[in-house]
PDB file of N, CA and C in Angstrom:
ATOM      1  N   MET A   1     102.618 101.244 113.609  1.00  0.00           N
ATOM      2  CA  MET A   1     101.811 100.300 112.882  1.00  0.00           C
ATOM      3  C   MET A   1     100.725 101.065 112.149  1.00  0.00           C
ATOM      4  N   PRO A   2     100.588 100.817 110.855  1.00  0.00           N
ATOM      5  CA  PRO A   2      99.598 101.546 110.060  1.00  0.00           C
ATOM      6  C   PRO A   2      98.194 101.154 110.463  1.00  0.00           C
ATOM      7  N   PRO A   3      97.245 102.093 110.333  1.00  0.00           N
ATOM      8  CA  PRO A   3      95.853 101.761 110.618  1.00  0.00           C
ATOM      9  C   PRO A   3      95.375 100.591 109.773  1.00  0.00           C
ATOM     10  N   ALA A   4      94.558  99.731 110.328  1.00  0.00           N
ATOM     11  CA  ALA A   4      94.095  98.527 109.648  1.00  0.00           C
ATOM     12  C   ALA A   4      93.270  98.843 108.432  1.00  0.00           C
ATOM     13  N   THR A   5      92.682 100.024 108.346  1.00  0.00           N
ATOM     14  CA  THR A   5      91.767 100.392 107.241  1.00  0.00           C
ATOM     15  C   THR A   5      92.511 100.863 106.019  1.00  0.00           C
ATOM     16  N   VAL A   6      93.816 101.098 106.047  1.00  0.00           N
ATOM     17  CA  VAL A   6      94.555 101.579 104.926  1.00  0.00           C
ATOM     18  C   VAL A   6      95.211 100.421 104.210  1.00  0.00           C
ATOM     19  N   PRO A   7      94.774 100.129 102.974  1.00  0.00           N
ATOM     20  CA  PRO A   7      95.445  99.011 102.246  1.00  0.00           C
ATOM     21  C   PRO A   7      96.795  99.483 101.754  1.00  0.00           C
ATOM     22  N   LEU A   8      97.794  98.665 101.966  1.00  0.00           N
ATOM     23  CA  LEU A   8      99.143  98.965 101.478  1.00  0.00           C
ATOM     24  C   LEU A   8      99.362  98.176 100.200  1.00  0.00           C
ATOM     25  N   SER A   9      99.753  98.893  99.163  1.00  0.00           N
ATOM     26  CA  SER A   9      99.951  98.214  97.846  1.00  0.00           C
ATOM     27  C   SER A   9     101.169  97.296  97.972  1.00  0.00           C
ATOM     28  N   PRO A  10     101.185  96.197  97.174  1.00  0.00           N
ATOM     29  CA  PRO A  10     102.371  95.321  97.214  1.00  0.00           C
ATOM     30  C   PRO A  10     103.656  96.041  96.861  1.00  0.00           C
ATOM     31  N   GLU A  11     103.598  97.022  95.967  1.00  0.00           N
ATOM     32  CA  GLU A  11     104.787  97.788  95.581  1.00  0.00           C
ATOM     33  C   GLU A  11     105.292  98.615  96.796  1.00  0.00           C
ATOM     34  N   PHE A  12     104.356  99.189  97.536  1.00  0.00           N
ATOM     35  CA  PHE A  12     104.724  99.943  98.733  1.00  0.00           C
ATOM     36  C   PHE A  12     105.354  99.069  99.783  1.00  0.00           C
ATOM     37  N   GLU A  13     104.771  97.898 100.011  1.00  0.00           N
ATOM     38  CA  GLU A  13     105.332  96.952 100.960  1.00  0.00           C
ATOM     39  C   GLU A  13     106.718  96.535 100.579  1.00  0.00           C
ATOM     40  N   LYS A  14     106.949  96.258  99.291  1.00  0.00           N
ATOM     41  CA  LYS A  14     108.281  95.884  98.791  1.00  0.00           C
ATOM     42  C   LYS A  14     109.257  97.022  98.966  1.00  0.00           C
ATOM     43  N   ALA A  15     108.833  98.269  98.673  1.00  0.00           N
ATOM     44  CA  ALA A  15     109.683  99.390  98.824  1.00  0.00           C
ATOM     45  C   ALA A  15     110.113  99.607 100.295  1.00  0.00           C
ATOM     46  N   ILE A  16     109.189  99.363 101.198  1.00  0.00           N
ATOM     47  CA  ILE A  16     109.517  99.423 102.648  1.00  0.00           C
ATOM     48  C   ILE A  16     110.649  98.456 102.942  1.00  0.00           C
ATOM     49  N   ALA A  17     110.512  97.203 102.476  1.00  0.00           N
ATOM     50  CA  ALA A  17     111.518  96.176 102.703  1.00  0.00           C
ATOM     51  C   ALA A  17     112.837  96.548 102.020  1.00  0.00           C
ATOM     52  N   ASP A  18     112.729  97.053 100.786  1.00  0.00           N
ATOM     53  CA  ASP A  18     113.932  97.411 100.015  1.00  0.00           C
ATOM     54  C   ASP A  18     114.704  98.577 100.667  1.00  0.00           C
ATOM     55  N   SER A  19     113.983  99.470 101.309  1.00  0.00           N
ATOM     56  CA  SER A  19     114.651 100.619 101.923  1.00  0.00           C
ATOM     57  C   SER A  19     115.581 100.191 103.059  1.00  0.00           C
ATOM     58  N   LYS A  20     115.405  98.958 103.569  1.00  0.00           N
ATOM     59  CA  LYS A  20     116.266  98.462 104.615  1.00  0.00           C
ATOM     60  C   LYS A  20     117.434  97.639 104.094  1.00  0.00           C
ATOM     61  N   LYS A  21     117.581  97.662 102.751  1.00  0.00           N
ATOM     62  CA  LYS A  21     118.664  96.910 102.136  1.00  0.00           C
ATOM     63  C   LYS A  21     119.593  97.793 101.315  1.00  0.00           C
ATOM     64  N   LEU A  22     119.571  99.098 101.631  1.00  0.00           N
ATOM     65  CA  LEU A  22     120.482 100.050 100.920  1.00  0.00           C
ATOM     66  C   LEU A  22     121.896  99.746 101.454  1.00  0.00           C
ATOM     67  N   THR A  23     122.872  99.912 100.583  1.00  0.00           N
ATOM     68  CA  THR A  23     124.239  99.530 101.002  1.00  0.00           C
ATOM     69  C   THR A  23     125.057 100.692 101.601  1.00  0.00           C
ATOM     70  N   SER A  24     124.588 101.915 101.457  1.00  0.00           N
ATOM     71  CA  SER A  24     125.195 103.025 102.167  1.00  0.00           C
ATOM     72  C   SER A  24     124.116 103.900 102.774  1.00  0.00           C
ATOM     73  N   LYS A  25     124.571 104.700 103.774  1.00  0.00           N
ATOM     74  CA  LYS A  25     123.613 105.525 104.534  1.00  0.00           C
ATOM     75  C   LYS A  25     123.091 106.685 103.708  1.00  0.00           C
ATOM     76  N   PRO A  26     121.769 106.795 103.590  1.00  0.00           N
ATOM     77  CA  PRO A  26     121.170 107.908 102.831  1.00  0.00           C
ATOM     78  C   PRO A  26     121.368 109.240 103.565  1.00  0.00           C
ATOM     79  N   SER A  27     121.226 110.325 102.810  1.00  0.00           N
ATOM     80  CA  SER A  27     121.325 111.658 103.406  1.00  0.00           C
ATOM     81  C   SER A  27     120.113 111.900 104.320  1.00  0.00           C
ATOM     82  N   ASN A  28     120.285 112.841 105.236  1.00  0.00           N
ATOM     83  CA  ASN A  28     119.180 113.197 106.132  1.00  0.00           C
ATOM     84  C   ASN A  28     117.981 113.686 105.348  1.00  0.00           C
ATOM     85  N   GLU A  29     118.242 114.470 104.297  1.00  0.00           N
ATOM     86  CA  GLU A  29     117.173 115.024 103.456  1.00  0.00           C
ATOM     87  C   GLU A  29     116.330 113.899 102.813  1.00  0.00           C
ATOM     88  N   ASP A  30     117.015 112.918 102.255  1.00  0.00           N
ATOM     89  CA  ASP A  30     116.308 111.792 101.626  1.00  0.00           C
ATOM     90  C   ASP A  30     115.547 110.984 102.697  1.00  0.00           C
ATOM     91  N   MET A  31     116.171 110.789 103.871  1.00  0.00           N
ATOM     92  CA  MET A  31     115.518 110.044 104.950  1.00  0.00           C
ATOM     93  C   MET A  31     114.248 110.767 105.403  1.00  0.00           C
ATOM     94  N   LEU A  32     114.317 112.039 105.546  1.00  0.00           N
ATOM     95  CA  LEU A  32     113.163 112.804 106.038  1.00  0.00           C
ATOM     96  C   LEU A  32     112.034 112.811 105.008  1.00  0.00           C
ATOM     97  N   GLU A  33     112.387 112.918 103.726  1.00  0.00           N
ATOM     98  CA  GLU A  33     111.352 112.854 102.679  1.00  0.00           C
ATOM     99  C   GLU A  33     110.687 111.504 102.732  1.00  0.00           C
ATOM    100  N   LEU A  34     111.459 110.461 102.827  1.00  0.00           N
ATOM    101  CA  LEU A  34     110.914 109.088 102.894  1.00  0.00           C
ATOM    102  C   LEU A  34     110.004 108.938 104.110  1.00  0.00           C
ATOM    103  N   TYR A  35     110.413 109.479 105.240  1.00  0.00           N
ATOM    104  CA  TYR A  35     109.622 109.417 106.475  1.00  0.00           C
ATOM    105  C   TYR A  35     108.246 110.061 106.285  1.00  0.00           C
ATOM    106  N   GLY A  36     108.250 111.268 105.722  1.00  0.00           N
ATOM    107  CA  GLY A  36     106.993 111.961 105.512  1.00  0.00           C
ATOM    108  C   GLY A  36     106.062 111.200 104.550  1.00  0.00           C
ATOM    109  N   LEU A  37     106.629 110.676 103.495  1.00  0.00           N
ATOM    110  CA  LEU A  37     105.822 109.879 102.538  1.00  0.00           C
ATOM    111  C   LEU A  37     105.281 108.594 103.217  1.00  0.00           C
ATOM    112  N   TYR A  38     106.123 107.977 104.039  1.00  0.00           N
ATOM    113  CA  TYR A  38     105.686 106.748 104.729  1.00  0.00           C
ATOM    114  C   TYR A  38     104.470 107.025 105.654  1.00  0.00           C
ATOM    115  N   LYS A  39     104.597 108.103 106.446  1.00  0.00           N
ATOM    116  CA  LYS A  39     103.558 108.447 107.400  1.00  0.00           C
ATOM    117  C   LYS A  39     102.227 108.690 106.668  1.00  0.00           C
ATOM    118  N   VAL A  40     102.268 109.467 105.589  1.00  0.00           N
ATOM    119  CA  VAL A  40     101.031 109.742 104.860  1.00  0.00           C
ATOM    120  C   VAL A  40     100.567 108.470 104.135  1.00  0.00           C
ATOM    121  N   GLY A  41     101.558 107.697 103.583  1.00  0.00           N
ATOM    122  CA  GLY A  41     101.216 106.488 102.809  1.00  0.00           C
ATOM    123  C   GLY A  41     100.625 105.412 103.657  1.00  0.00           C
ATOM    124  N   THR A  42     100.907 105.398 104.935  1.00  0.00           N
ATOM    125  CA  THR A  42     100.258 104.391 105.801  1.00  0.00           C
ATOM    126  C   THR A  42      98.997 104.892 106.457  1.00  0.00           C
ATOM    127  N   GLY A  43      98.605 106.093 106.055  1.00  0.00           N
ATOM    128  CA  GLY A  43      97.315 106.604 106.568  1.00  0.00           C
ATOM    129  C   GLY A  43      97.331 107.178 107.961  1.00  0.00           C
ATOM    130  N   GLU A  44      98.490 107.382 108.532  1.00  0.00           N
ATOM    131  CA  GLU A  44      98.553 107.941 109.866  1.00  0.00           C
ATOM    132  C   GLU A  44      98.097 109.426 109.765  1.00  0.00           C
ATOM    133  N   LYS A  45      97.332 109.803 110.746  1.00  0.00           N
ATOM    134  CA  LYS A  45      96.710 111.174 110.764  1.00  0.00           C
ATOM    135  C   LYS A  45      97.615 112.161 111.433  1.00  0.00           C
ATOM    136  N   PHE A  46      98.044 113.169 110.698  1.00  0.00           N
ATOM    137  CA  PHE A  46      98.946 114.207 111.223  1.00  0.00           C
ATOM    138  C   PHE A  46      98.269 114.925 112.377  1.00  0.00           C
ATOM    139  N   ALA A  47      96.962 115.136 112.276  1.00  0.00           N
ATOM    140  CA  ALA A  47      96.234 115.844 113.349  1.00  0.00           C
ATOM    141  C   ALA A  47      96.297 115.137 114.672  1.00  0.00           C
ATOM    142  N   ASP A  48      96.563 113.845 114.660  1.00  0.00           N
ATOM    143  CA  ASP A  48      96.638 113.031 115.889  1.00  0.00           C
ATOM    144  C   ASP A  48      98.059 113.036 116.484  1.00  0.00           C
ATOM    145  N   ALA A  49      99.024 113.587 115.731  1.00  0.00           N
ATOM    146  CA  ALA A  49     100.412 113.587 116.222  1.00  0.00           C
ATOM    147  C   ALA A  49     100.657 114.619 117.287  1.00  0.00           C
ATOM    148  N   THR A  50     101.489 114.236 118.240  1.00  0.00           N
ATOM    149  CA  THR A  50     101.870 115.210 119.275  1.00  0.00           C
ATOM    150  C   THR A  50     103.155 115.897 118.866  1.00  0.00           C
ATOM    151  N   PRO A  51     103.139 117.182 118.760  1.00  0.00           N
ATOM    152  CA  PRO A  51     104.379 117.890 118.386  1.00  0.00           C
ATOM    153  C   PRO A  51     105.503 117.585 119.372  1.00  0.00           C
ATOM    154  N   PRO A  52     106.739 117.411 118.858  1.00  0.00           N
ATOM    155  CA  PRO A  52     107.880 117.145 119.728  1.00  0.00           C
ATOM    156  C   PRO A  52     108.236 118.378 120.550  1.00  0.00           C
ATOM    157  N   GLY A  53     108.982 118.141 121.612  1.00  0.00           N
ATOM    158  CA  GLY A  53     109.453 119.220 122.423  1.00  0.00           C
ATOM    159  C   GLY A  53     110.536 120.075 121.710  1.00  0.00           C
ATOM    160  N   MET A  54     110.769 121.226 122.209  1.00  0.00           N
ATOM    161  CA  MET A  54     111.691 122.178 121.586  1.00  0.00           C
ATOM    162  C   MET A  54     113.139 121.584 121.435  1.00  0.00           C
ATOM    163  N   PHE A  55     113.561 120.774 122.328  1.00  0.00           N
ATOM    164  CA  PHE A  55     114.909 120.252 122.306  1.00  0.00           C
ATOM    165  C   PHE A  55     115.005 118.834 121.648  1.00  0.00           C
ATOM    166  N   GLU A  56     113.863 118.315 121.154  1.00  0.00           N
ATOM    167  CA  GLU A  56     113.875 117.026 120.499  1.00  0.00           C
ATOM    168  C   GLU A  56     114.147 117.275 118.996  1.00  0.00           C
ATOM    169  N   LEU A  57     115.380 117.584 118.630  1.00  0.00           N
ATOM    170  CA  LEU A  57     115.665 118.011 117.313  1.00  0.00           C
ATOM    171  C   LEU A  57     115.400 116.955 116.227  1.00  0.00           C
ATOM    172  N   LYS A  58     115.764 115.708 116.463  1.00  0.00           N
ATOM    173  CA  LYS A  58     115.545 114.651 115.536  1.00  0.00           C
ATOM    174  C   LYS A  58     114.064 114.454 115.350  1.00  0.00           C
ATOM    175  N   ASN A  59     113.291 114.384 116.383  1.00  0.00           N
ATOM    176  CA  ASN A  59     111.846 114.167 116.277  1.00  0.00           C
ATOM    177  C   ASN A  59     111.179 115.359 115.637  1.00  0.00           C
ATOM    178  N   LYS A  60     111.717 116.545 115.908  1.00  0.00           N
ATOM    179  CA  LYS A  60     111.147 117.781 115.295  1.00  0.00           C
ATOM    180  C   LYS A  60     111.350 117.741 113.769  1.00  0.00           C
ATOM    181  N   ALA A  61     112.551 117.327 113.314  1.00  0.00           N
ATOM    182  CA  ALA A  61     112.795 117.222 111.892  1.00  0.00           C
ATOM    183  C   ALA A  61     111.858 116.210 111.234  1.00  0.00           C
ATOM    184  N   LYS A  62     111.632 115.085 111.885  1.00  0.00           N
ATOM    185  CA  LYS A  62     110.697 114.075 111.332  1.00  0.00           C
ATOM    186  C   LYS A  62     109.283 114.593 111.317  1.00  0.00           C
ATOM    187  N   TYR A  63     108.891 115.263 112.367  1.00  0.00           N
ATOM    188  CA  TYR A  63     107.521 115.855 112.447  1.00  0.00           C
ATOM    189  C   TYR A  63     107.353 116.897 111.336  1.00  0.00           C
ATOM    190  N   ASN A  64     108.349 117.742 111.114  1.00  0.00           N
ATOM    191  CA  ASN A  64     108.274 118.753 110.081  1.00  0.00           C
ATOM    192  C   ASN A  64     108.195 118.109 108.670  1.00  0.00           C
ATOM    193  N   ALA A  65     108.954 117.012 108.501  1.00  0.00           N
ATOM    194  CA  ALA A  65     108.930 116.325 107.185  1.00  0.00           C
ATOM    195  C   ALA A  65     107.520 115.751 106.958  1.00  0.00           C
ATOM    196  N   TRP A  66     106.945 115.189 107.956  1.00  0.00           N
ATOM    197  CA  TRP A  66     105.599 114.640 107.843  1.00  0.00           C
ATOM    198  C   TRP A  66     104.618 115.765 107.545  1.00  0.00           C
ATOM    199  N   ASP A  67     104.760 116.893 108.263  1.00  0.00           N
ATOM    200  CA  ASP A  67     103.864 118.024 108.077  1.00  0.00           C
ATOM    201  C   ASP A  67     103.969 118.554 106.671  1.00  0.00           C
ATOM    202  N   ALA A  68     105.175 118.607 106.102  1.00  0.00           N
ATOM    203  CA  ALA A  68     105.370 119.097 104.746  1.00  0.00           C
ATOM    204  C   ALA A  68     104.589 118.233 103.730  1.00  0.00           C
ATOM    205  N   VAL A  69     104.685 116.922 103.844  1.00  0.00           N
ATOM    206  CA  VAL A  69     103.939 116.054 102.921  1.00  0.00           C
ATOM    207  C   VAL A  69     102.473 116.178 103.201  1.00  0.00           C
ATOM    208  N   HIS A  70     102.082 116.239 104.469  1.00  0.00           N
ATOM    209  CA  HIS A  70     100.669 116.394 104.811  1.00  0.00           C
ATOM    210  C   HIS A  70     100.080 117.645 104.176  1.00  0.00           C
ATOM    211  N   LYS A  71     100.821 118.731 104.216  1.00  0.00           N
ATOM    212  CA  LYS A  71     100.343 120.019 103.706  1.00  0.00           C
ATOM    213  C   LYS A  71     100.117 120.008 102.184  1.00  0.00           C
ATOM    214  N   GLU A  72     100.812 119.054 101.497  1.00  0.00           N
ATOM    215  CA  GLU A  72     100.629 118.914 100.076  1.00  0.00           C
ATOM    216  C   GLU A  72      99.195 118.434  99.750  1.00  0.00           C
ATOM    217  N   GLY A  73      98.593 117.788 100.738  1.00  0.00           N
ATOM    218  CA  GLY A  73      97.204 117.296 100.536  1.00  0.00           C
ATOM    219  C   GLY A  73      97.133 116.102  99.613  1.00  0.00           C
ATOM    220  N   ILE A  74      98.162 115.324  99.521  1.00  0.00           N
ATOM    221  CA  ILE A  74      98.163 114.171  98.613  1.00  0.00           C
ATOM    222  C   ILE A  74      97.417 112.988  99.262  1.00  0.00           C
ATOM    223  N   SER A  75      96.912 112.126  98.413  1.00  0.00           N
ATOM    224  CA  SER A  75      96.217 110.943  98.891  1.00  0.00           C
ATOM    225  C   SER A  75      97.190 109.893  99.406  1.00  0.00           C
ATOM    226  N   VAL A  76      96.632 108.913 100.121  1.00  0.00           N
ATOM    227  CA  VAL A  76      97.456 107.818 100.584  1.00  0.00           C
ATOM    228  C   VAL A  76      98.100 107.104  99.413  1.00  0.00           C
ATOM    229  N   GLU A  77      97.328 106.897  98.379  1.00  0.00           N
ATOM    230  CA  GLU A  77      97.823 106.157  97.179  1.00  0.00           C
ATOM    231  C   GLU A  77      98.989 106.950  96.520  1.00  0.00           C
ATOM    232  N   THR A  78      98.879 108.270  96.439  1.00  0.00           N
ATOM    233  CA  THR A  78      99.915 109.073  95.812  1.00  0.00           C
ATOM    234  C   THR A  78     101.147 109.013  96.713  1.00  0.00           C
ATOM    235  N   ALA A  79     100.986 109.106  98.010  1.00  0.00           N
ATOM    236  CA  ALA A  79     102.118 109.005  98.930  1.00  0.00           C
ATOM    237  C   ALA A  79     102.852 107.678  98.768  1.00  0.00           C
ATOM    238  N   GLN A  80     102.051 106.597  98.661  1.00  0.00           N
ATOM    239  CA  GLN A  80     102.664 105.279  98.463  1.00  0.00           C
ATOM    240  C   GLN A  80     103.435 105.232  97.153  1.00  0.00           C
ATOM    241  N   SER A  81     102.831 105.759  96.103  1.00  0.00           N
ATOM    242  CA  SER A  81     103.515 105.771  94.789  1.00  0.00           C
ATOM    243  C   SER A  81     104.809 106.559  94.845  1.00  0.00           C
ATOM    244  N   ARG A  82     104.748 107.742  95.445  1.00  0.00           N
ATOM    245  CA  ARG A  82     105.961 108.555  95.543  1.00  0.00           C
ATOM    246  C   ARG A  82     107.011 107.932  96.459  1.00  0.00           C
ATOM    247  N   TYR A  83     106.595 107.194  97.482  1.00  0.00           N
ATOM    248  CA  TYR A  83     107.521 106.466  98.352  1.00  0.00           C
ATOM    249  C   TYR A  83     108.254 105.426  97.540  1.00  0.00           C
ATOM    250  N   VAL A  84     107.501 104.636  96.731  1.00  0.00           N
ATOM    251  CA  VAL A  84     108.108 103.613  95.868  1.00  0.00           C
ATOM    252  C   VAL A  84     109.129 104.239  94.939  1.00  0.00           C
ATOM    253  N   ALA A  85     108.792 105.340  94.283  1.00  0.00           N
ATOM    254  CA  ALA A  85     109.704 106.035  93.380  1.00  0.00           C
ATOM    255  C   ALA A  85     110.918 106.539  94.108  1.00  0.00           C
ATOM    256  N   LYS A  86     110.753 107.066  95.295  1.00  0.00           N
ATOM    257  CA  LYS A  86     111.880 107.569  96.082  1.00  0.00           C
ATOM    258  C   LYS A  86     112.825 106.449  96.449  1.00  0.00           C
ATOM    259  N   VAL A  87     112.267 105.308  96.879  1.00  0.00           N
ATOM    260  CA  VAL A  87     113.132 104.163  97.216  1.00  0.00           C
ATOM    261  C   VAL A  87     113.906 103.702  95.987  1.00  0.00           C
ATOM    262  N   GLU A  88     113.254 103.630  94.834  1.00  0.00           N
ATOM    263  CA  GLU A  88     113.948 103.241  93.601  1.00  0.00           C
ATOM    264  C   GLU A  88     115.110 104.220  93.275  1.00  0.00           C
ATOM    265  N   GLU A  89     114.856 105.451  93.502  1.00  0.00           N
ATOM    266  CA  GLU A  89     115.884 106.486  93.266  1.00  0.00           C
ATOM    267  C   GLU A  89     117.023 106.279  94.245  1.00  0.00           C
ATOM    268  N   MET A  90     116.682 105.996  95.502  1.00  0.00           N
ATOM    269  CA  MET A  90     117.715 105.803  96.524  1.00  0.00           C
ATOM    270  C   MET A  90     118.490 104.545  96.322  1.00  0.00           C
ATOM    271  N   LYS A  91     117.891 103.530  95.740  1.00  0.00           N
ATOM    272  CA  LYS A  91     118.631 102.275  95.413  1.00  0.00           C
ATOM    273  C   LYS A  91     119.747 102.555  94.415  1.00  0.00           C
ATOM    274  N   VAL A  92     119.527 103.458  93.476  1.00  0.00           N
ATOM    275  CA  VAL A  92     120.532 103.846  92.498  1.00  0.00           C
ATOM    276  C   VAL A  92     121.586 104.693  93.184  1.00  0.00           C
ATOM    277  N   THR A  93     121.167 105.649  93.940  1.00  0.00           N
ATOM    278  CA  THR A  93     122.065 106.631  94.588  1.00  0.00           C
ATOM    279  C   THR A  93     122.955 105.985  95.664  1.00  0.00           C
ATOM    280  N   TYR A  94     122.344 105.137  96.502  1.00  0.00           N
ATOM    281  CA  TYR A  94     123.056 104.618  97.678  1.00  0.00           C
ATOM    282  C   TYR A  94     123.435 103.146  97.582  1.00  0.00           C
ATOM    283  N   GLY A  95     123.038 102.515  96.481  1.00  0.00           N
ATOM    284  CA  GLY A  95     123.358 101.096  96.319  1.00  0.00           C
ATOM    285  C   GLY A  95     122.303 100.237  96.975  1.00  0.00           C
ATOM    286  N   TYR A  96     122.138  99.038  96.478  1.00  0.00           N
ATOM    287  CA  TYR A  96     121.110  98.123  97.004  1.00  0.00           C
ATOM    288  C   TYR A  96     121.632  96.727  96.860  1.00  0.00           C
ATOM    289  N   ASP A  97     121.406  95.913  97.882  1.00  0.00           N
ATOM    290  CA  ASP A  97     121.767  94.520  97.888  1.00  0.00           C
ATOM    291  C   ASP A  97     120.584  93.707  98.335  1.00  0.00           C
ATOM    292  N   GLU A  98     119.983  92.991  97.391  1.00  0.00           N
ATOM    293  CA  GLU A  98     118.790  92.156  97.659  1.00  0.00           C
ATOM    294  C   GLU A  98     119.073  91.164  98.801  1.00  0.00           C
ATOM    295  N   ASN A  99     120.338  90.691  98.893  1.00  0.00           N
ATOM    296  CA  ASN A  99     120.676  89.647  99.874  1.00  0.00           C
ATOM    297  C   ASN A  99     121.114  90.216 101.211  1.00  0.00           C
ATOM    298  N   LYS A 100     121.181  91.503 101.337  1.00  0.00           N
ATOM    299  CA  LYS A 100     121.602  92.127 102.608  1.00  0.00           C
ATOM    300  C   LYS A 100     120.575  91.864 103.712  1.00  0.00           C
ATOM    301  N   VAL A 101     121.094  91.622 104.909  1.00  0.00           N
ATOM    302  CA  VAL A 101     120.219  91.444 106.043  1.00  0.00           C
ATOM    303  C   VAL A 101     119.579  92.837 106.291  1.00  0.00           C
ATOM    304  N   PRO A 102     118.253  92.879 106.274  1.00  0.00           N
ATOM    305  CA  PRO A 102     117.588  94.179 106.418  1.00  0.00           C
ATOM    306  C   PRO A 102     117.950  94.866 107.729  1.00  0.00           C
ATOM    307  N   GLU A 103     118.127  96.174 107.606  1.00  0.00           N
ATOM    308  CA  GLU A 103     118.395  96.977 108.814  1.00  0.00           C
ATOM    309  C   GLU A 103     117.492  98.226 108.749  1.00  0.00           C
ATOM    310  N   THR A 104     117.140  98.705 109.877  1.00  0.00           N
ATOM    311  CA  THR A 104     116.286  99.890 109.915  1.00  0.00           C
ATOM    312  C   THR A 104     117.050 101.077 109.353  1.00  0.00           C
ATOM    313  N   VAL A 105     116.466 101.733 108.343  1.00  0.00           N
ATOM    314  CA  VAL A 105     117.073 102.855 107.773  1.00  0.00           C
ATOM    315  C   VAL A 105     117.060 104.002 108.762  1.00  0.00           C
ATOM    316  N   GLY A 106     118.179 104.684 108.916  1.00  0.00           N
ATOM    317  CA  GLY A 106     118.255 105.826 109.811  1.00  0.00           C
ATOM    318  C   GLY A 106     118.575 105.436 111.230  1.00  0.00           C
ATOM    319  N   ALA A 107     118.814 104.150 111.484  1.00  0.00           N
ATOM    320  CA  ALA A 107     119.149 103.684 112.825  1.00  0.00           C
ATOM    321  C   ALA A 107     120.551 104.021 113.227  1.00  0.00           C
TER     322      ALA A 107
END
């Protein structure tokens, strides 16, 4: 859950919903980029994150993706804007169905 102090733009909120209506499974690379942008875009603090264990490969990949975006030093607003653009790109690449029952991406 994002911190209450970070305002989420309507476009960002729509992109979050749209990301759950892609018609084919995105690549791991795209999913990890989206994850990193989401974490920064919702204002979650990387410094508060607990690094995953050595054998937690999936969590380690997500942590590293978040770290990569964090290290760019971009603002919450920029991360939200880039997230929206990435989802729009993914809608073209992977297909999108407005009427699809939303599912968690990467599940």
